[in-house]
Amino acid sequence: MKDAVIIAIVTFAICMSLAKTYAKKFKYMVNSNQELTAYGACNIIGSFFASFPSAASLSRTSVYVNAGGRTQ
């Protein structure tokens, strides 16, 4: 259980640092409470369907942004 908590904290820290990096670049706000709630909901609901945990990836995000991808 202790290892799972540590992994969750590190994963969330990576996701937030990535979100804040691109939020600064594209001039939008990131709410860490909203992000934590979203990750928690996705991972809890996904656990009922044997899905992979959601997380962010710097390499995939960089390729997506450099290719001109946008969200929202």
PDB file of N, CA and C in Angstrom:
ATOM      1  N   MET A   1       0.827  -1.191   0.000  1.00  0.00           N
ATOM      2  CA  MET A   1       0.000   0.000   0.000  1.00  0.00           C
ATOM      3  C   MET A   1       0.868   1.251   0.000  1.00  0.00           C
ATOM      4  N   LYS A   2       1.961   1.201   0.765  1.00  0.00           N
ATOM      5  CA  LYS A   2       2.850   2.358   0.844  1.00  0.00           C
ATOM      6  C   LYS A   2       3.445   2.683  -0.529  1.00  0.00           C
ATOM      7  N   ASP A   3       3.828   1.646  -1.281  1.00  0.00           N
ATOM      8  CA  ASP A   3       4.397   1.864  -2.609  1.00  0.00           C
ATOM      9  C   ASP A   3       3.385   2.489  -3.561  1.00  0.00           C
ATOM     10  N   ALA A   4       2.135   2.072  -3.468  1.00  0.00           N
ATOM     11  CA  ALA A   4       1.092   2.619  -4.340  1.00  0.00           C
ATOM     12  C   ALA A   4       0.872   4.103  -4.076  1.00  0.00           C
ATOM     13  N   VAL A   5       0.923   4.501  -2.821  1.00  0.00           N
ATOM     14  CA  VAL A   5       0.746   5.915  -2.473  1.00  0.00           C
ATOM     15  C   VAL A   5       1.910   6.742  -3.014  1.00  0.00           C
ATOM     16  N   ILE A   6       3.118   6.227  -2.884  1.00  0.00           N
ATOM     17  CA  ILE A   6       4.294   6.937  -3.396  1.00  0.00           C
ATOM     18  C   ILE A   6       4.220   7.076  -4.912  1.00  0.00           C
ATOM     19  N   ILE A   7       3.847   6.016  -5.605  1.00  0.00           N
ATOM     20  CA  ILE A   7       3.711   6.065  -7.066  1.00  0.00           C
ATOM     21  C   ILE A   7       2.642   7.067  -7.469  1.00  0.00           C
ATOM     22  N   ALA A   8       1.530   7.098  -6.756  1.00  0.00           N
ATOM     23  CA  ALA A   8       0.457   8.046  -7.070  1.00  0.00           C
ATOM     24  C   ALA A   8       0.918   9.489  -6.886  1.00  0.00           C
ATOM     25  N   ILE A   9       1.662   9.753  -5.831  1.00  0.00           N
ATOM     26  CA  ILE A   9       2.152  11.117  -5.577  1.00  0.00           C
ATOM     27  C   ILE A   9       3.146  11.546  -6.652  1.00  0.00           C
ATOM     28  N   VAL A  10       4.075  10.672  -7.004  1.00  0.00           N
ATOM     29  CA  VAL A  10       5.066  10.997  -8.036  1.00  0.00           C
ATOM     30  C   VAL A  10       4.388  11.198  -9.387  1.00  0.00           C
ATOM     31  N   THR A  11       3.437  10.337  -9.729  1.00  0.00           N
ATOM     32  CA  THR A  11       2.718  10.471 -10.994  1.00  0.00           C
ATOM     33  C   THR A  11       1.952  11.778 -11.054  1.00  0.00           C
ATOM     34  N   PHE A  12       1.296  12.142  -9.976  1.00  0.00           N
ATOM     35  CA  PHE A  12       0.549  13.398  -9.959  1.00  0.00           C
ATOM     36  C   PHE A  12       1.487  14.594 -10.062  1.00  0.00           C
ATOM     37  N   ALA A  13       2.634  14.526  -9.408  1.00  0.00           N
ATOM     38  CA  ALA A  13       3.606  15.625  -9.491  1.00  0.00           C
ATOM     39  C   ALA A  13       4.111  15.801 -10.918  1.00  0.00           C
ATOM     40  N   ILE A  14       4.376  14.704 -11.611  1.00  0.00           N
ATOM     41  CA  ILE A  14       4.816  14.776 -13.005  1.00  0.00           C
ATOM     42  C   ILE A  14       3.713  15.352 -13.880  1.00  0.00           C
ATOM     43  N   CYS A  15       2.491  14.888 -13.688  1.00  0.00           N
ATOM     44  CA  CYS A  15       1.358  15.384 -14.483  1.00  0.00           C
ATOM     45  C   CYS A  15       1.139  16.876 -14.267  1.00  0.00           C
ATOM     46  N   MET A  16       1.242  17.328 -13.030  1.00  0.00           N
ATOM     47  CA  MET A  16       1.029  18.749 -12.750  1.00  0.00           C
ATOM     48  C   MET A  16       2.157  19.609 -13.296  1.00  0.00           C
ATOM     49  N   SER A  17       3.386  19.135 -13.214  1.00  0.00           N
ATOM     50  CA  SER A  17       4.487  19.933 -13.756  1.00  0.00           C
ATOM     51  C   SER A  17       4.370  20.046 -15.267  1.00  0.00           C
ATOM     52  N   LEU A  18       3.947  18.984 -15.911  1.00  0.00           N
ATOM     53  CA  LEU A  18       3.735  19.020 -17.360  1.00  0.00           C
ATOM     54  C   LEU A  18       2.576  19.938 -17.716  1.00  0.00           C
ATOM     55  N   ALA A  19       1.494  19.856 -16.967  1.00  0.00           N
ATOM     56  CA  ALA A  19       0.335  20.719 -17.228  1.00  0.00           C
ATOM     57  C   ALA A  19       0.684  22.185 -17.018  1.00  0.00           C
ATOM     58  N   LYS A  20       1.431  22.486 -15.971  1.00  0.00           N
ATOM     59  CA  LYS A  20       1.802  23.880 -15.707  1.00  0.00           C
ATOM     60  C   LYS A  20       2.781  24.408 -16.750  1.00  0.00           C
ATOM     61  N   THR A  21       3.657  23.547 -17.254  1.00  0.00           N
ATOM     62  CA  THR A  21       4.591  23.965 -18.299  1.00  0.00           C
ATOM     63  C   THR A  21       3.845  24.407 -19.547  1.00  0.00           C
ATOM     64  N   TYR A  22       2.897  23.594 -19.984  1.00  0.00           N
ATOM     65  CA  TYR A  22       2.157  23.936 -21.200  1.00  0.00           C
ATOM     66  C   TYR A  22       1.080  24.982 -20.940  1.00  0.00           C
ATOM     67  N   ALA A  23       0.614  25.091 -19.723  1.00  0.00           N
ATOM     68  CA  ALA A  23      -0.336  26.159 -19.389  1.00  0.00           C
ATOM     69  C   ALA A  23       0.344  27.515 -19.505  1.00  0.00           C
ATOM     70  N   LYS A  24       1.582  27.579 -19.083  1.00  0.00           N
ATOM     71  CA  LYS A  24       2.338  28.833 -19.204  1.00  0.00           C
ATOM     72  C   LYS A  24       2.591  29.158 -20.680  1.00  0.00           C
ATOM     73  N   LYS A  25       2.916  28.136 -21.467  1.00  0.00           N
ATOM     74  CA  LYS A  25       3.202  28.345 -22.895  1.00  0.00           C
ATOM     75  C   LYS A  25       1.969  28.817 -23.654  1.00  0.00           C
ATOM     76  N   PHE A  26       0.803  28.238 -23.351  1.00  0.00           N
ATOM     77  CA  PHE A  26      -0.425  28.559 -24.086  1.00  0.00           C
ATOM     78  C   PHE A  26      -1.347  29.512 -23.332  1.00  0.00           C
ATOM     79  N   LYS A  27      -0.871  30.032 -22.195  1.00  0.00           N
ATOM     80  CA  LYS A  27      -1.574  31.063 -21.425  1.00  0.00           C
ATOM     81  C   LYS A  27      -2.971  30.640 -20.959  1.00  0.00           C
ATOM     82  N   TYR A  28      -3.026  29.556 -20.207  1.00  0.00           N
ATOM     83  CA  TYR A  28      -4.271  29.167 -19.548  1.00  0.00           C
ATOM     84  C   TYR A  28      -3.969  28.710 -18.128  1.00  0.00           C
ATOM     85  N   MET A  29      -5.003  28.644 -17.317  1.00  0.00           N
ATOM     86  CA  MET A  29      -4.847  28.307 -15.904  1.00  0.00           C
ATOM     87  C   MET A  29      -5.059  26.804 -15.681  1.00  0.00           C
ATOM     88  N   VAL A  30      -4.337  26.258 -14.715  1.00  0.00           N
ATOM     89  CA  VAL A  30      -4.485  24.862 -14.322  1.00  0.00           C
ATOM     90  C   VAL A  30      -4.848  24.837 -12.845  1.00  0.00           C
ATOM     91  N   ASN A  31      -5.930  24.143 -12.514  1.00  0.00           N
ATOM     92  CA  ASN A  31      -6.374  23.994 -11.132  1.00  0.00           C
ATOM     93  C   ASN A  31      -5.947  22.608 -10.651  1.00  0.00           C
ATOM     94  N   SER A  32      -5.021  22.556  -9.701  1.00  0.00           N
ATOM     95  CA  SER A  32      -4.494  21.271  -9.248  1.00  0.00           C
ATOM     96  C   SER A  32      -5.557  20.409  -8.567  1.00  0.00           C
ATOM     97  N   ASN A  33      -6.501  21.023  -7.864  1.00  0.00           N
ATOM     98  CA  ASN A  33      -7.582  20.245  -7.239  1.00  0.00           C
ATOM     99  C   ASN A  33      -8.459  19.585  -8.292  1.00  0.00           C
ATOM    100  N   GLN A  34      -8.753  20.313  -9.356  1.00  0.00           N
ATOM    101  CA  GLN A  34      -9.568  19.763 -10.437  1.00  0.00           C
ATOM    102  C   GLN A  34      -8.819  18.638 -11.157  1.00  0.00           C
ATOM    103  N   GLU A  35      -7.522  18.815 -11.350  1.00  0.00           N
ATOM    104  CA  GLU A  35      -6.711  17.779 -11.998  1.00  0.00           C
ATOM    105  C   GLU A  35      -6.663  16.515 -11.141  1.00  0.00           C
ATOM    106  N   LEU A  36      -6.468  16.678  -9.836  1.00  0.00           N
ATOM    107  CA  LEU A  36      -6.411  15.523  -8.944  1.00  0.00           C
ATOM    108  C   LEU A  36      -7.741  14.780  -8.921  1.00  0.00           C
ATOM    109  N   THR A  37      -8.837  15.524  -8.898  1.00  0.00           N
ATOM    110  CA  THR A  37     -10.165  14.907  -8.931  1.00  0.00           C
ATOM    111  C   THR A  37     -10.379  14.142 -10.229  1.00  0.00           C
ATOM    112  N   ALA A  38      -9.961  14.730 -11.339  1.00  0.00           N
ATOM    113  CA  ALA A  38     -10.125  14.075 -12.641  1.00  0.00           C
ATOM    114  C   ALA A  38      -9.290  12.804 -12.735  1.00  0.00           C
ATOM    115  N   TYR A  39      -8.023  12.866 -12.317  1.00  0.00           N
ATOM    116  CA  TYR A  39      -7.182  11.667 -12.341  1.00  0.00           C
ATOM    117  C   TYR A  39      -7.736  10.587 -11.423  1.00  0.00           C
ATOM    118  N   GLY A  40      -8.181  10.981 -10.247  1.00  0.00           N
ATOM    119  CA  GLY A  40      -8.754  10.011  -9.320  1.00  0.00           C
ATOM    120  C   GLY A  40     -10.000   9.344  -9.871  1.00  0.00           C
ATOM    121  N   ALA A  41     -10.897  10.146 -10.441  1.00  0.00           N
ATOM    122  CA  ALA A  41     -12.135   9.590 -11.012  1.00  0.00           C
ATOM    123  C   ALA A  41     -11.827   8.655 -12.171  1.00  0.00           C
ATOM    124  N   CYS A  42     -10.918   9.065 -13.051  1.00  0.00           N
ATOM    125  CA  CYS A  42     -10.560   8.215 -14.200  1.00  0.00           C
ATOM    126  C   CYS A  42      -9.961   6.893 -13.747  1.00  0.00           C
ATOM    127  N   ASN A  43      -9.088   6.953 -12.777  1.00  0.00           N
ATOM    128  CA  ASN A  43      -8.434   5.727 -12.327  1.00  0.00           C
ATOM    129  C   ASN A  43      -9.367   4.824 -11.531  1.00  0.00           C
ATOM    130  N   ILE A  44     -10.264   5.398 -10.750  1.00  0.00           N
ATOM    131  CA  ILE A  44     -11.220   4.572 -10.002  1.00  0.00           C
ATOM    132  C   ILE A  44     -12.213   3.915 -10.948  1.00  0.00           C
ATOM    133  N   ILE A  45     -12.784   4.687 -11.855  1.00  0.00           N
ATOM    134  CA  ILE A  45     -13.744   4.121 -12.813  1.00  0.00           C
ATOM    135  C   ILE A  45     -13.049   3.125 -13.736  1.00  0.00           C
ATOM    136  N   GLY A  46     -11.838   3.455 -14.168  1.00  0.00           N
ATOM    137  CA  GLY A  46     -11.093   2.555 -15.042  1.00  0.00           C
ATOM    138  C   GLY A  46     -10.737   1.237 -14.383  1.00  0.00           C
ATOM    139  N   SER A  47     -10.615   1.225 -13.068  1.00  0.00           N
ATOM    140  CA  SER A  47     -10.268  -0.021 -12.380  1.00  0.00           C
ATOM    141  C   SER A  47     -11.358  -1.080 -12.506  1.00  0.00           C
ATOM    142  N   PHE A  48     -12.587  -0.670 -12.746  1.00  0.00           N
ATOM    143  CA  PHE A  48     -13.673  -1.626 -12.932  1.00  0.00           C
ATOM    144  C   PHE A  48     -13.643  -2.269 -14.315  1.00  0.00           C
ATOM    145  N   PHE A  49     -12.875  -1.699 -15.237  1.00  0.00           N
ATOM    146  CA  PHE A  49     -12.818  -2.198 -16.605  1.00  0.00           C
ATOM    147  C   PHE A  49     -11.424  -2.684 -16.988  1.00  0.00           C
ATOM    148  N   ALA A  50     -10.555  -2.888 -16.023  1.00  0.00           N
ATOM    149  CA  ALA A  50      -9.190  -3.381 -16.234  1.00  0.00           C
ATOM    150  C   ALA A  50      -8.412  -2.502 -17.208  1.00  0.00           C
ATOM    151  N   SER A  51      -8.557  -1.192 -17.070  1.00  0.00           N
ATOM    152  CA  SER A  51      -7.823  -0.272 -17.942  1.00  0.00           C
ATOM    153  C   SER A  51      -6.496   0.121 -17.291  1.00  0.00           C
ATOM    154  N   PHE A  52      -5.638   0.720 -18.086  1.00  0.00           N
ATOM    155  CA  PHE A  52      -4.365   1.204 -17.564  1.00  0.00           C
ATOM    156  C   PHE A  52      -4.588   2.497 -16.791  1.00  0.00           C
ATOM    157  N   PRO A  53      -3.770   2.777 -15.795  1.00  0.00           N
ATOM    158  CA  PRO A  53      -3.900   4.047 -15.059  1.00  0.00           C
ATOM    159  C   PRO A  53      -3.602   5.231 -15.976  1.00  0.00           C
ATOM    160  N   SER A  54      -4.307   6.326 -15.772  1.00  0.00           N
ATOM    161  CA  SER A  54      -4.055   7.511 -16.591  1.00  0.00           C
ATOM    162  C   SER A  54      -2.866   8.271 -16.028  1.00  0.00           C
ATOM    163  N   ALA A  55      -2.057   8.796 -16.930  1.00  0.00           N
ATOM    164  CA  ALA A  55      -0.879   9.573 -16.540  1.00  0.00           C
ATOM    165  C   ALA A  55      -0.440  10.408 -17.732  1.00  0.00           C
ATOM    166  N   ALA A  56       0.443  11.343 -17.490  1.00  0.00           N
ATOM    167  CA  ALA A  56       0.951  12.214 -18.549  1.00  0.00           C
ATOM    168  C   ALA A  56       2.328  11.733 -18.998  1.00  0.00           C
ATOM    169  N   SER A  57       2.691  12.104 -20.212  1.00  0.00           N
ATOM    170  CA  SER A  57       3.988  11.735 -20.759  1.00  0.00           C
ATOM    171  C   SER A  57       4.589  12.943 -21.454  1.00  0.00           C
ATOM    172  N   LEU A  58       5.781  13.343 -21.040  1.00  0.00           N
ATOM    173  CA  LEU A  58       6.433  14.505 -21.638  1.00  0.00           C
ATOM    174  C   LEU A  58       6.723  14.281 -23.116  1.00  0.00           C
ATOM    175  N   SER A  59       7.209  13.103 -23.472  1.00  0.00           N
ATOM    176  CA  SER A  59       7.564  12.856 -24.871  1.00  0.00           C
ATOM    177  C   SER A  59       6.342  12.880 -25.782  1.00  0.00           C
ATOM    178  N   ARG A  60       5.258  12.234 -25.382  1.00  0.00           N
ATOM    179  CA  ARG A  60       4.047  12.235 -26.220  1.00  0.00           C
ATOM    180  C   ARG A  60       3.434  13.614 -26.300  1.00  0.00           C
ATOM    181  N   THR A  61       3.432  14.345 -25.196  1.00  0.00           N
ATOM    182  CA  THR A  61       2.860  15.687 -25.188  1.00  0.00           C
ATOM    183  C   THR A  61       3.672  16.621 -26.073  1.00  0.00           C
ATOM    184  N   SER A  62       4.989  16.519 -26.031  1.00  0.00           N
ATOM    185  CA  SER A  62       5.846  17.361 -26.868  1.00  0.00           C
ATOM    186  C   SER A  62       5.611  17.096 -28.349  1.00  0.00           C
ATOM    187  N   VAL A  63       5.510  15.830 -28.725  1.00  0.00           N
ATOM    188  CA  VAL A  63       5.243  15.486 -30.126  1.00  0.00           C
ATOM    189  C   VAL A  63       3.881  16.018 -30.542  1.00  0.00           C
ATOM    190  N   TYR A  64       2.892  15.863 -29.689  1.00  0.00           N
ATOM    191  CA  TYR A  64       1.532  16.330 -29.981  1.00  0.00           C
ATOM    192  C   TYR A  64       1.496  17.840 -30.182  1.00  0.00           C
ATOM    193  N   VAL A  65       2.154  18.582 -29.308  1.00  0.00           N
ATOM    194  CA  VAL A  65       2.163  20.047 -29.398  1.00  0.00           C
ATOM    195  C   VAL A  65       2.941  20.502 -30.627  1.00  0.00           C
ATOM    196  N   ASN A  66       4.093  19.889 -30.892  1.00  0.00           N
ATOM    197  CA  ASN A  66       4.899  20.269 -32.052  1.00  0.00           C
ATOM    198  C   ASN A  66       4.220  19.931 -33.370  1.00  0.00           C
ATOM    199  N   ALA A  67       3.317  18.957 -33.359  1.00  0.00           N
ATOM    200  CA  ALA A  67       2.567  18.604 -34.560  1.00  0.00           C
ATOM    201  C   ALA A  67       1.371  19.528 -34.767  1.00  0.00           C
ATOM    202  N   GLY A  68       1.139  20.441 -33.819  1.00  0.00           N
ATOM    203  CA  GLY A  68       0.039  21.398 -33.955  1.00  0.00           C
ATOM    204  C   GLY A  68      -1.242  20.965 -33.278  1.00  0.00           C
ATOM    205  N   GLY A  69      -1.179  19.955 -32.440  1.00  0.00           N
ATOM    206  CA  GLY A  69      -2.375  19.471 -31.758  1.00  0.00           C
ATOM    207  C   GLY A  69      -2.882  20.457 -30.722  1.00  0.00           C
ATOM    208  N   ARG A  70      -4.173  20.522 -30.575  1.00  0.00           N
ATOM    209  CA  ARG A  70      -4.828  21.400 -29.587  1.00  0.00           C
ATOM    210  C   ARG A  70      -5.960  20.640 -28.911  1.00  0.00           C
ATOM    211  N   THR A  71      -6.304  21.056 -27.704  1.00  0.00           N
ATOM    212  CA  THR A  71      -7.477  20.535 -27.014  1.00  0.00           C
ATOM    213  C   THR A  71      -8.350  21.699 -26.601  1.00  0.00           C
ATOM    214  N   GLN A  72      -9.524  21.410 -26.167  1.00  0.00           N
ATOM    215  CA  GLN A  72     -10.497  22.380 -25.672  1.00  0.00           C
ATOM    216  C   GLN A  72     -10.870  23.314 -26.767  1.00  0.00           C
TER     217      GLN A  72
END
